[in-house]
Amino acid sequence: MLQGTGHVIYGPLNNHGIVNFRSLSPTTTPQSKIDLGQGNDDNFQRHASHTRTIGDLGIAVA
């Protein structure tokens, strides 16, 4: 059993470590999103997504 800061490296009894799995849901109105972030030690985060519905087909791309 891990205690303290050990969870930061290996995650809390999670097969995938610390990963936030999220499923995007299609939206009736087209929606695009871009997230950018920068931290210490040249860390840079970027994420883009687009969701929409075309007729009965829902699309979510990230």
PDB file of N, CA and C in Angstrom:
ATOM      1  N   MET A   1       0.841  -1.191   0.000  1.00  0.00           N
ATOM      2  CA  MET A   1       0.000   0.000   0.000  1.00  0.00           C
ATOM      3  C   MET A   1       0.877   1.243   0.000  1.00  0.00           C
ATOM      4  N   LEU A   2       0.562   2.175  -0.873  1.00  0.00           N
ATOM      5  CA  LEU A   2       1.320   3.415  -0.951  1.00  0.00           C
ATOM      6  C   LEU A   2       0.679   4.474  -0.065  1.00  0.00           C
ATOM      7  N   GLN A   3       1.511   5.235   0.586  1.00  0.00           N
ATOM      8  CA  GLN A   3       1.013   6.327   1.406  1.00  0.00           C
ATOM      9  C   GLN A   3       1.796   7.585   1.077  1.00  0.00           C
ATOM     10  N   GLY A   4       1.233   8.705   1.418  1.00  0.00           N
ATOM     11  CA  GLY A   4       1.924   9.974   1.210  1.00  0.00           C
ATOM     12  C   GLY A   4       2.092  10.303  -0.260  1.00  0.00           C
ATOM     13  N   THR A   5       3.298  10.715  -0.643  1.00  0.00           N
ATOM     14  CA  THR A   5       3.539  11.176  -2.010  1.00  0.00           C
ATOM     15  C   THR A   5       3.698  10.036  -3.008  1.00  0.00           C
ATOM     16  N   GLY A   6       3.678   8.777  -2.562  1.00  0.00           N
ATOM     17  CA  GLY A   6       3.775   7.654  -3.486  1.00  0.00           C
ATOM     18  C   GLY A   6       2.638   7.613  -4.479  1.00  0.00           C
ATOM     19  N   HIS A   7       1.480   8.159  -4.119  1.00  0.00           N
ATOM     20  CA  HIS A   7       0.340   8.193  -5.038  1.00  0.00           C
ATOM     21  C   HIS A   7       0.606   9.088  -6.239  1.00  0.00           C
ATOM     22  N   VAL A   8       1.435  10.098  -6.058  1.00  0.00           N
ATOM     23  CA  VAL A   8       1.715  11.021  -7.151  1.00  0.00           C
ATOM     24  C   VAL A   8       2.401  10.285  -8.296  1.00  0.00           C
ATOM     25  N   ILE A   9       3.272   9.354  -7.994  1.00  0.00           N
ATOM     26  CA  ILE A   9       4.008   8.634  -9.032  1.00  0.00           C
ATOM     27  C   ILE A   9       3.191   7.478  -9.611  1.00  0.00           C
ATOM     28  N   TYR A  10       2.547   6.692  -8.763  1.00  0.00           N
ATOM     29  CA  TYR A  10       1.928   5.452  -9.206  1.00  0.00           C
ATOM     30  C   TYR A  10       0.405   5.481  -9.239  1.00  0.00           C
ATOM     31  N   GLY A  11      -0.216   6.475  -8.652  1.00  0.00           N
ATOM     32  CA  GLY A  11      -1.676   6.547  -8.647  1.00  0.00           C
ATOM     33  C   GLY A  11      -2.288   5.719  -7.539  1.00  0.00           C
ATOM     34  N   PRO A  12      -3.507   6.039  -7.150  1.00  0.00           N
ATOM     35  CA  PRO A  12      -4.177   5.366  -6.034  1.00  0.00           C
ATOM     36  C   PRO A  12      -4.835   4.056  -6.469  1.00  0.00           C
ATOM     37  N   LEU A  13      -4.087   2.942  -6.491  1.00  0.00           N
ATOM     38  CA  LEU A  13      -4.624   1.630  -6.869  1.00  0.00           C
ATOM     39  C   LEU A  13      -5.309   1.682  -8.228  1.00  0.00           C
ATOM     40  N   ASN A  14      -4.666   2.308  -9.155  1.00  0.00           N
ATOM     41  CA  ASN A  14      -5.228   2.546 -10.473  1.00  0.00           C
ATOM     42  C   ASN A  14      -4.331   1.847 -11.496  1.00  0.00           C
ATOM     43  N   ASN A  15      -4.896   1.033 -12.376  1.00  0.00           N
ATOM     44  CA  ASN A  15      -4.108   0.309 -13.373  1.00  0.00           C
ATOM     45  C   ASN A  15      -3.379   1.220 -14.346  1.00  0.00           C
ATOM     46  N   HIS A  16      -3.870   2.439 -14.522  1.00  0.00           N
ATOM     47  CA  HIS A  16      -3.302   3.349 -15.513  1.00  0.00           C
ATOM     48  C   HIS A  16      -2.500   4.471 -14.869  1.00  0.00           C
ATOM     49  N   GLY A  17      -2.169   4.393 -13.592  1.00  0.00           N
ATOM     50  CA  GLY A  17      -1.493   5.496 -12.925  1.00  0.00           C
ATOM     51  C   GLY A  17      -2.475   6.631 -12.722  1.00  0.00           C
ATOM     52  N   ILE A  18      -1.992   7.830 -12.708  1.00  0.00           N
ATOM     53  CA  ILE A  18      -2.877   8.979 -12.522  1.00  0.00           C
ATOM     54  C   ILE A  18      -3.195   9.541 -13.904  1.00  0.00           C
ATOM     55  N   VAL A  19      -4.312   9.122 -14.453  1.00  0.00           N
ATOM     56  CA  VAL A  19      -4.768   9.566 -15.761  1.00  0.00           C
ATOM     57  C   VAL A  19      -6.239   9.900 -15.627  1.00  0.00           C
ATOM     58  N   ASN A  20      -6.631  11.054 -16.122  1.00  0.00           N
ATOM     59  CA  ASN A  20      -8.017  11.471 -16.060  1.00  0.00           C
ATOM     60  C   ASN A  20      -8.678  11.140 -17.392  1.00  0.00           C
ATOM     61  N   PHE A  21      -9.359   9.985 -17.460  1.00  0.00           N
ATOM     62  CA  PHE A  21     -10.055   9.600 -18.685  1.00  0.00           C
ATOM     63  C   PHE A  21     -11.390  10.323 -18.730  1.00  0.00           C
ATOM     64  N   ARG A  22     -11.617  11.086 -19.777  1.00  0.00           N
ATOM     65  CA  ARG A  22     -12.880  11.797 -19.945  1.00  0.00           C
ATOM     66  C   ARG A  22     -13.402  11.530 -21.347  1.00  0.00           C
ATOM     67  N   SER A  23     -14.675  11.280 -21.446  1.00  0.00           N
ATOM     68  CA  SER A  23     -15.295  11.091 -22.750  1.00  0.00           C
ATOM     69  C   SER A  23     -16.012  12.381 -23.126  1.00  0.00           C
ATOM     70  N   LEU A  24     -15.692  12.894 -24.299  1.00  0.00           N
ATOM     71  CA  LEU A  24     -16.376  14.089 -24.782  1.00  0.00           C
ATOM     72  C   LEU A  24     -17.730  13.706 -25.341  1.00  0.00           C
ATOM     73  N   SER A  25     -18.716  14.530 -25.121  1.00  0.00           N
ATOM     74  CA  SER A  25     -20.052  14.304 -25.663  1.00  0.00           C
ATOM     75  C   SER A  25     -20.281  15.241 -26.838  1.00  0.00           C
ATOM     76  N   PRO A  26     -20.861  14.742 -27.927  1.00  0.00           N
ATOM     77  CA  PRO A  26     -21.177  15.617 -29.061  1.00  0.00           C
ATOM     78  C   PRO A  26     -22.159  16.706 -28.645  1.00  0.00           C
ATOM     79  N   THR A  27     -22.038  17.869 -29.242  1.00  0.00           N
ATOM     80  CA  THR A  27     -22.934  18.985 -28.960  1.00  0.00           C
ATOM     81  C   THR A  27     -23.745  19.318 -30.207  1.00  0.00           C
ATOM     82  N   THR A  28     -24.941  19.841 -30.016  1.00  0.00           N
ATOM     83  CA  THR A  28     -25.786  20.194 -31.155  1.00  0.00           C
ATOM     84  C   THR A  28     -25.209  21.398 -31.905  1.00  0.00           C
ATOM     85  N   THR A  29     -24.566  22.304 -31.182  1.00  0.00           N
ATOM     86  CA  THR A  29     -23.901  23.450 -31.792  1.00  0.00           C
ATOM     87  C   THR A  29     -22.414  23.120 -31.902  1.00  0.00           C
ATOM     88  N   PRO A  30     -21.790  23.292 -33.081  1.00  0.00           N
ATOM     89  CA  PRO A  30     -20.360  23.009 -33.202  1.00  0.00           C
ATOM     90  C   PRO A  30     -19.559  23.776 -32.149  1.00  0.00           C
ATOM     91  N   GLN A  31     -18.623  23.099 -31.509  1.00  0.00           N
ATOM     92  CA  GLN A  31     -17.850  23.711 -30.441  1.00  0.00           C
ATOM     93  C   GLN A  31     -16.396  23.262 -30.545  1.00  0.00           C
ATOM     94  N   SER A  32     -15.486  24.228 -30.614  1.00  0.00           N
ATOM     95  CA  SER A  32     -14.048  23.941 -30.650  1.00  0.00           C
ATOM     96  C   SER A  32     -13.400  24.546 -29.419  1.00  0.00           C
ATOM     97  N   LYS A  33     -12.364  23.869 -28.895  1.00  0.00           N
ATOM     98  CA  LYS A  33     -11.708  24.341 -27.683  1.00  0.00           C
ATOM     99  C   LYS A  33     -10.217  24.045 -27.778  1.00  0.00           C
ATOM    100  N   ILE A  34      -9.399  25.019 -27.371  1.00  0.00           N
ATOM    101  CA  ILE A  34      -7.951  24.848 -27.323  1.00  0.00           C
ATOM    102  C   ILE A  34      -7.495  25.246 -25.926  1.00  0.00           C
ATOM    103  N   ASP A  35      -6.782  24.348 -25.241  1.00  0.00           N
ATOM    104  CA  ASP A  35      -6.238  24.613 -23.920  1.00  0.00           C
ATOM    105  C   ASP A  35      -4.715  24.594 -24.011  1.00  0.00           C
ATOM    106  N   LEU A  36      -4.080  25.618 -23.457  1.00  0.00           N
ATOM    107  CA  LEU A  36      -2.623  25.696 -23.426  1.00  0.00           C
ATOM    108  C   LEU A  36      -2.179  25.959 -21.989  1.00  0.00           C
ATOM    109  N   GLY A  37      -1.053  25.396 -21.613  1.00  0.00           N
ATOM    110  CA  GLY A  37      -0.519  25.641 -20.281  1.00  0.00           C
ATOM    111  C   GLY A  37       0.983  25.438 -20.269  1.00  0.00           C
ATOM    112  N   GLN A  38       1.658  26.182 -19.391  1.00  0.00           N
ATOM    113  CA  GLN A  38       3.100  26.054 -19.282  1.00  0.00           C
ATOM    114  C   GLN A  38       3.470  26.064 -17.811  1.00  0.00           C
ATOM    115  N   GLY A  39       4.458  25.251 -17.468  1.00  0.00           N
ATOM    116  CA  GLY A  39       4.888  25.162 -16.078  1.00  0.00           C
ATOM    117  C   GLY A  39       6.390  25.236 -15.957  1.00  0.00           C
ATOM    118  N   ASN A  40       6.899  24.740 -14.849  1.00  0.00           N
ATOM    119  CA  ASN A  40       8.334  24.759 -14.586  1.00  0.00           C
ATOM    120  C   ASN A  40       9.055  23.726 -15.441  1.00  0.00           C
ATOM    121  N   ASP A  41      10.358  23.852 -15.542  1.00  0.00           N
ATOM    122  CA  ASP A  41      11.218  22.888 -16.236  1.00  0.00           C
ATOM    123  C   ASP A  41      10.787  22.647 -17.672  1.00  0.00           C
ATOM    124  N   ASP A  42      10.387  23.675 -18.379  1.00  0.00           N
ATOM    125  CA  ASP A  42       9.993  23.593 -19.788  1.00  0.00           C
ATOM    126  C   ASP A  42       8.812  22.660 -20.035  1.00  0.00           C
ATOM    127  N   ASN A  43       7.941  22.484 -19.045  1.00  0.00           N
ATOM    128  CA  ASN A  43       6.728  21.694 -19.254  1.00  0.00           C
ATOM    129  C   ASN A  43       5.732  22.527 -20.041  1.00  0.00           C
ATOM    130  N   PHE A  44       5.119  21.911 -21.046  1.00  0.00           N
ATOM    131  CA  PHE A  44       4.137  22.615 -21.877  1.00  0.00           C
ATOM    132  C   PHE A  44       2.990  21.662 -22.173  1.00  0.00           C
ATOM    133  N   GLN A  45       1.784  22.104 -21.934  1.00  0.00           N
ATOM    134  CA  GLN A  45       0.602  21.278 -22.156  1.00  0.00           C
ATOM    135  C   GLN A  45      -0.269  21.927 -23.215  1.00  0.00           C
ATOM    136  N   ARG A  46      -0.773  21.096 -24.122  1.00  0.00           N
ATOM    137  CA  ARG A  46      -1.686  21.608 -25.147  1.00  0.00           C
ATOM    138  C   ARG A  46      -2.732  20.544 -25.440  1.00  0.00           C
ATOM    139  N   HIS A  47      -3.947  21.004 -25.707  1.00  0.00           N
ATOM    140  CA  HIS A  47      -5.036  20.082 -26.004  1.00  0.00           C
ATOM    141  C   HIS A  47      -6.055  20.819 -26.862  1.00  0.00           C
ATOM    142  N   ALA A  48      -6.520  20.167 -27.902  1.00  0.00           N
ATOM    143  CA  ALA A  48      -7.537  20.739 -28.781  1.00  0.00           C
ATOM    144  C   ALA A  48      -8.661  19.730 -28.944  1.00  0.00           C
ATOM    145  N   SER A  49      -9.893  20.222 -29.029  1.00  0.00           N
ATOM    146  CA  SER A  49     -11.042  19.332 -29.235  1.00  0.00           C
ATOM    147  C   SER A  49     -12.097  20.031 -30.078  1.00  0.00           C
ATOM    148  N   HIS A  50     -12.910  19.218 -30.743  1.00  0.00           N
ATOM    149  CA  HIS A  50     -14.023  19.727 -31.546  1.00  0.00           C
ATOM    150  C   HIS A  50     -15.183  18.735 -31.425  1.00  0.00           C
ATOM    151  N   THR A  51     -16.348  19.240 -31.126  1.00  0.00           N
ATOM    152  CA  THR A  51     -17.544  18.406 -31.024  1.00  0.00           C
ATOM    153  C   THR A  51     -18.670  19.030 -31.827  1.00  0.00           C
ATOM    154  N   ARG A  52     -19.519  18.154 -32.380  1.00  0.00           N
ATOM    155  CA  ARG A  52     -20.681  18.629 -33.136  1.00  0.00           C
ATOM    156  C   ARG A  52     -21.592  17.460 -33.446  1.00  0.00           C
ATOM    157  N   THR A  53     -22.762  17.749 -33.916  1.00  0.00           N
ATOM    158  CA  THR A  53     -23.724  16.744 -34.357  1.00  0.00           C
ATOM    159  C   THR A  53     -24.129  17.061 -35.788  1.00  0.00           C
ATOM    160  N   ILE A  54     -24.089  16.032 -36.642  1.00  0.00           N
ATOM    161  CA  ILE A  54     -24.541  16.160 -38.030  1.00  0.00           C
ATOM    162  C   ILE A  54     -25.667  15.156 -38.207  1.00  0.00           C
ATOM    163  N   GLY A  55     -26.902  15.631 -38.211  1.00  0.00           N
ATOM    164  CA  GLY A  55     -28.046  14.724 -38.296  1.00  0.00           C
ATOM    165  C   GLY A  55     -28.080  13.824 -37.073  1.00  0.00           C
ATOM    166  N   ASP A  56     -28.097  12.517 -37.286  1.00  0.00           N
ATOM    167  CA  ASP A  56     -28.098  11.558 -36.181  1.00  0.00           C
ATOM    168  C   ASP A  56     -26.679  11.164 -35.744  1.00  0.00           C
ATOM    169  N   LEU A  57     -25.665  11.685 -36.418  1.00  0.00           N
ATOM    170  CA  LEU A  57     -24.290  11.334 -36.138  1.00  0.00           C
ATOM    171  C   LEU A  57     -23.650  12.363 -35.214  1.00  0.00           C
ATOM    172  N   GLY A  58     -23.109  11.915 -34.085  1.00  0.00           N
ATOM    173  CA  GLY A  58     -22.391  12.797 -33.165  1.00  0.00           C
ATOM    174  C   GLY A  58     -20.895  12.603 -33.308  1.00  0.00           C
ATOM    175  N   ILE A  59     -20.138  13.690 -33.348  1.00  0.00           N
ATOM    176  CA  ILE A  59     -18.693  13.617 -33.544  1.00  0.00           C
ATOM    177  C   ILE A  59     -18.005  14.339 -32.384  1.00  0.00           C
ATOM    178  N   ALA A  60     -17.001  13.701 -31.812  1.00  0.00           N
ATOM    179  CA  ALA A  60     -16.167  14.327 -30.776  1.00  0.00           C
ATOM    180  C   ALA A  60     -14.725  13.921 -31.068  1.00  0.00           C
ATOM    181  N   VAL A  61     -13.886  14.895 -31.408  1.00  0.00           N
ATOM    182  CA  VAL A  61     -12.488  14.639 -31.751  1.00  0.00           C
ATOM    183  C   VAL A  61     -11.617  15.448 -30.789  1.00  0.00           C
ATOM    184  N   ALA A  62     -10.601  14.780 -30.237  1.00  0.00           N
ATOM    185  CA  ALA A  62      -9.680  15.490 -29.338  1.00  0.00           C
ATOM    186  C   ALA A  62      -8.256  15.159 -29.719  1.00  0.00           C
TER     187      ALA A  62
END
